[in-house]
N, C-alpha and C. Protein backbone atom coordinates (compact mmCIF):
# COMPACT_ATOMS: atom_id res chain seq x y z
N MET A 1 31.14 85.10 14.75
CA MET A 1 30.03 85.27 15.04
C MET A 1 29.07 85.54 15.65
N GLY A 2 28.24 86.47 15.77
CA GLY A 2 27.00 86.50 17.30
C GLY A 2 26.02 85.52 16.37
N LYS A 3 25.49 85.33 16.75
CA LYS A 3 24.01 84.76 16.77
C LYS A 3 22.78 84.84 16.20
N ILE A 4 23.14 85.47 14.16
CA ILE A 4 21.89 86.49 14.07
C ILE A 4 21.74 84.97 12.66
N CYS A 5 20.17 84.94 12.98
CA CYS A 5 19.06 83.97 11.91
C CYS A 5 19.34 84.85 10.39
N VAL A 6 19.94 83.38 9.68
CA VAL A 6 19.70 83.91 8.91
C VAL A 6 18.69 84.52 6.92
N ILE A 7 17.99 83.73 8.28
CA ILE A 7 17.19 83.87 7.46
C ILE A 7 16.51 85.46 7.74
N THR A 8 15.37 84.53 9.17
CA THR A 8 14.93 85.81 9.50
C THR A 8 15.56 87.73 9.37
N GLY A 9 16.77 87.38 9.74
CA GLY A 9 17.11 88.19 11.00
C GLY A 9 17.53 88.70 11.31
N ARG A 10 17.33 87.64 12.57
CA ARG A 10 16.33 88.07 13.94
C ARG A 10 17.81 88.49 15.26
N ARG A 11 18.23 89.18 16.03
CA ARG A 11 19.37 89.56 16.55
C ARG A 11 19.07 89.00 18.18
N PRO A 12 19.73 89.72 19.40
CA PRO A 12 19.46 89.65 20.20
C PRO A 12 19.28 91.19 20.04
N VAL A 13 18.36 91.07 21.72
CA VAL A 13 17.66 93.05 21.79
C VAL A 13 18.19 93.26 22.49
N LYS A 14 18.31 94.45 23.22
CA LYS A 14 18.50 94.93 24.87
C LYS A 14 17.50 95.26 25.48
N GLY A 15 17.44 95.28 26.87
CA GLY A 15 16.06 95.24 26.90
C GLY A 15 16.82 96.33 28.74
N SER A 16 15.09 96.06 29.64
CA SER A 16 15.19 95.68 31.11
C SER A 16 14.08 95.10 31.72
N ILE A 17 14.51 94.73 33.10
CA ILE A 17 14.16 93.99 34.38
C ILE A 17 13.97 95.08 34.76
N ILE A 18 12.49 95.76 35.19
CA ILE A 18 13.01 96.80 36.24
C ILE A 18 11.86 96.27 37.17
N ASN A 19 11.98 96.90 38.72
CA ASN A 19 11.32 95.99 40.18
C ASN A 19 10.93 96.46 40.57
N ARG A 20 9.58 96.90 40.58
CA ARG A 20 8.71 97.82 41.57
C ARG A 20 8.32 97.74 42.81
N LYS A 21 7.77 98.34 43.78
CA LYS A 21 7.61 97.59 45.25
C LYS A 21 5.82 98.28 45.25
N GLY A 22 5.98 98.67 46.28
CA GLY A 22 4.18 98.90 46.89
C GLY A 22 3.20 98.07 46.21
N GLN A 23 2.86 98.59 46.38
CA GLN A 23 1.35 98.27 46.05
C GLN A 23 -0.41 98.96 45.27
N THR A 24 -0.08 98.65 44.32
CA THR A 24 -1.22 99.37 42.84
C THR A 24 -2.70 99.55 43.59
N LYS A 25 -2.39 101.09 42.26
CA LYS A 25 -3.98 101.73 42.49
C LYS A 25 -4.92 101.19 42.83
N LYS A 26 -4.97 100.19 41.67
CA LYS A 26 -6.32 99.45 41.82
C LYS A 26 -6.38 98.69 42.99
N SER A 27 -5.10 97.90 43.98
CA SER A 27 -5.53 97.46 45.60
C SER A 27 -5.88 98.01 46.17
N GLY A 28 -5.68 98.84 45.97
CA GLY A 28 -6.39 100.47 47.80
C GLY A 28 -4.85 100.28 48.11
N GLY A 29 -3.73 100.87 47.95
CA GLY A 29 -2.57 100.77 47.61
C GLY A 29 -2.05 102.21 46.95
N ILE A 30 -1.29 103.01 47.38
CA ILE A 30 -0.94 103.99 46.69
C ILE A 30 -0.34 104.49 45.48
N GLY A 31 0.41 103.03 45.33
CA GLY A 31 1.09 103.51 43.62
C GLY A 31 2.61 102.00 43.54
N THR A 32 2.92 101.92 42.40
CA THR A 32 3.83 100.78 42.47
C THR A 32 4.83 102.66 42.43
N HIS A 33 6.82 102.03 43.32
CA HIS A 33 7.08 102.85 43.14
C HIS A 33 8.20 101.73 42.09
N VAL A 34 9.39 102.26 40.73
CA VAL A 34 10.10 101.52 40.56
C VAL A 34 12.00 101.95 41.44
N THR A 35 11.81 100.86 42.03
CA THR A 35 13.05 100.60 42.96
C THR A 35 14.86 100.40 42.41
N SER A 36 14.64 99.41 40.84
CA SER A 36 15.19 99.47 39.96
C SER A 36 15.55 98.26 38.42
N ILE A 37 16.67 98.85 37.58
CA ILE A 37 16.87 98.85 36.43
C ILE A 37 17.65 98.52 36.08
N THR A 38 17.75 96.96 36.10
CA THR A 38 19.45 96.05 35.20
C THR A 38 18.59 96.38 33.61
N LYS A 39 20.17 96.51 33.07
CA LYS A 39 20.09 95.52 31.78
C LYS A 39 19.91 94.58 31.77
N ARG A 40 18.94 93.67 30.93
CA ARG A 40 19.34 92.58 29.90
C ARG A 40 19.13 91.94 28.19
N LYS A 41 19.50 91.13 28.03
CA LYS A 41 18.86 91.25 26.55
C LYS A 41 18.08 90.18 26.31
N PHE A 42 17.22 90.16 25.00
CA PHE A 42 16.72 89.62 24.94
C PHE A 42 16.70 88.14 23.19
N ARG A 43 16.70 87.59 23.34
CA ARG A 43 17.50 86.68 22.35
C ARG A 43 16.80 85.24 21.69
N PRO A 44 16.70 85.86 20.91
CA PRO A 44 15.77 85.22 20.02
C PRO A 44 16.03 83.69 20.12
N ASN A 45 15.17 82.48 20.05
CA ASN A 45 15.55 80.99 19.64
C ASN A 45 16.05 80.38 18.24
N LEU A 46 17.77 80.54 18.81
CA LEU A 46 17.96 79.41 17.08
C LEU A 46 18.72 78.11 17.41
N GLN A 47 18.36 77.56 16.05
CA GLN A 47 18.87 76.65 16.44
C GLN A 47 19.44 76.96 14.85
N ARG A 48 21.01 75.33 14.80
CA ARG A 48 22.17 75.20 13.78
C ARG A 48 21.36 74.02 13.25
N VAL A 49 20.37 74.43 11.82
CA VAL A 49 20.46 73.50 11.22
C VAL A 49 21.02 73.58 9.47
N ARG A 50 20.75 72.36 9.09
CA ARG A 50 21.96 72.22 7.52
C ARG A 50 20.36 72.31 6.87
N ILE A 51 20.91 73.91 6.21
CA ILE A 51 19.74 73.43 4.69
C ILE A 51 19.83 73.24 3.37
N ARG A 52 19.45 73.38 2.39
CA ARG A 52 18.54 73.06 0.89
C ARG A 52 19.54 74.19 0.99
N MET A 53 20.77 74.36 -0.11
CA MET A 53 20.99 75.88 -0.64
C MET A 53 20.41 75.18 -2.21
N ALA A 54 20.02 76.61 -3.09
CA ALA A 54 19.31 76.33 -4.44
C ALA A 54 20.33 76.02 -5.73
N ASN A 55 20.96 75.49 -5.28
CA ASN A 55 21.68 74.86 -5.91
C ASN A 55 22.06 73.84 -6.22
N GLY A 56 21.79 73.61 -4.62
CA GLY A 56 21.92 71.88 -3.99
C GLY A 56 22.96 71.12 -3.52
N GLY A 57 23.79 71.97 -2.75
CA GLY A 57 24.34 72.14 -1.56
C GLY A 57 23.74 72.82 -0.58
N THR A 58 24.66 71.68 0.84
CA THR A 58 23.95 71.52 1.72
C THR A 58 25.21 73.29 2.91
N LYS A 59 24.57 73.59 3.74
CA LYS A 59 24.76 74.00 4.37
C LYS A 59 24.30 74.40 5.63
N ARG A 60 24.62 74.94 6.89
CA ARG A 60 24.67 74.64 8.30
C ARG A 60 24.70 76.11 9.06
N VAL A 61 23.74 76.08 9.15
CA VAL A 61 23.54 77.81 9.73
C VAL A 61 22.47 78.27 10.59
N TRP A 62 22.26 79.69 11.60
CA TRP A 62 21.26 79.65 12.63
C TRP A 62 20.00 79.82 12.29
N VAL A 63 19.17 79.12 12.53
CA VAL A 63 18.03 79.78 11.80
C VAL A 63 17.10 79.97 13.43
N SER A 64 16.00 81.12 13.46
CA SER A 64 15.63 81.47 14.60
C SER A 64 14.71 79.36 14.56
N VAL A 65 13.49 79.37 14.68
CA VAL A 65 12.48 78.80 15.50
C VAL A 65 11.42 78.74 14.18
N LYS A 66 10.95 80.51 14.48
CA LYS A 66 10.28 80.75 13.94
C LYS A 66 9.90 80.72 12.56
N ALA A 67 10.62 81.25 11.54
CA ALA A 67 11.32 80.61 10.32
C ALA A 67 10.89 79.10 10.08
N LEU A 68 11.89 78.04 11.27
CA LEU A 68 10.93 76.65 10.62
C LEU A 68 10.12 75.74 10.38
N LYS A 69 9.29 76.41 12.59
CA LYS A 69 7.75 76.65 11.64
C LYS A 69 7.27 77.37 10.72
N ALA A 70 7.51 78.64 10.25
CA ALA A 70 6.64 78.34 9.55
C ALA A 70 7.41 77.73 8.21
N GLY A 71 8.04 77.13 7.78
CA GLY A 71 8.32 76.97 6.50
C GLY A 71 9.17 77.97 5.53
N LEU A 72 10.26 78.62 5.80
CA LEU A 72 10.49 79.45 4.76
C LEU A 72 12.55 79.00 5.17
N VAL A 73 12.10 77.60 6.18
CA VAL A 73 13.60 76.84 5.03
C VAL A 73 13.17 75.60 4.80
N GLN A 74 14.32 75.12 3.41
CA GLN A 74 14.28 73.86 3.69
C GLN A 74 15.22 72.96 4.32
N LYS A 75 14.59 72.12 4.98
CA LYS A 75 16.14 71.44 6.09
C LYS A 75 16.46 69.66 4.85
N ALA A 76 17.90 70.02 5.08
CA ALA A 76 18.65 68.32 4.20
C ALA A 76 18.63 67.66 5.57
């Protein structure tokens, strides 16, 4: 199973690393140029914590730190 936050639904998203070369126009150059683009992933900061369920039980799930800081889950 992929690492997805059970509260907020945060999941890894695709992105790129863009390498540029050259001096910027602002600094007096002729501008930067893209030399390479590499694929990458932006992964959410997930922690495996035990949370208290509505029926009184506990369950171990992946939760994002943003949800933990916001108080969206009750840690057991």
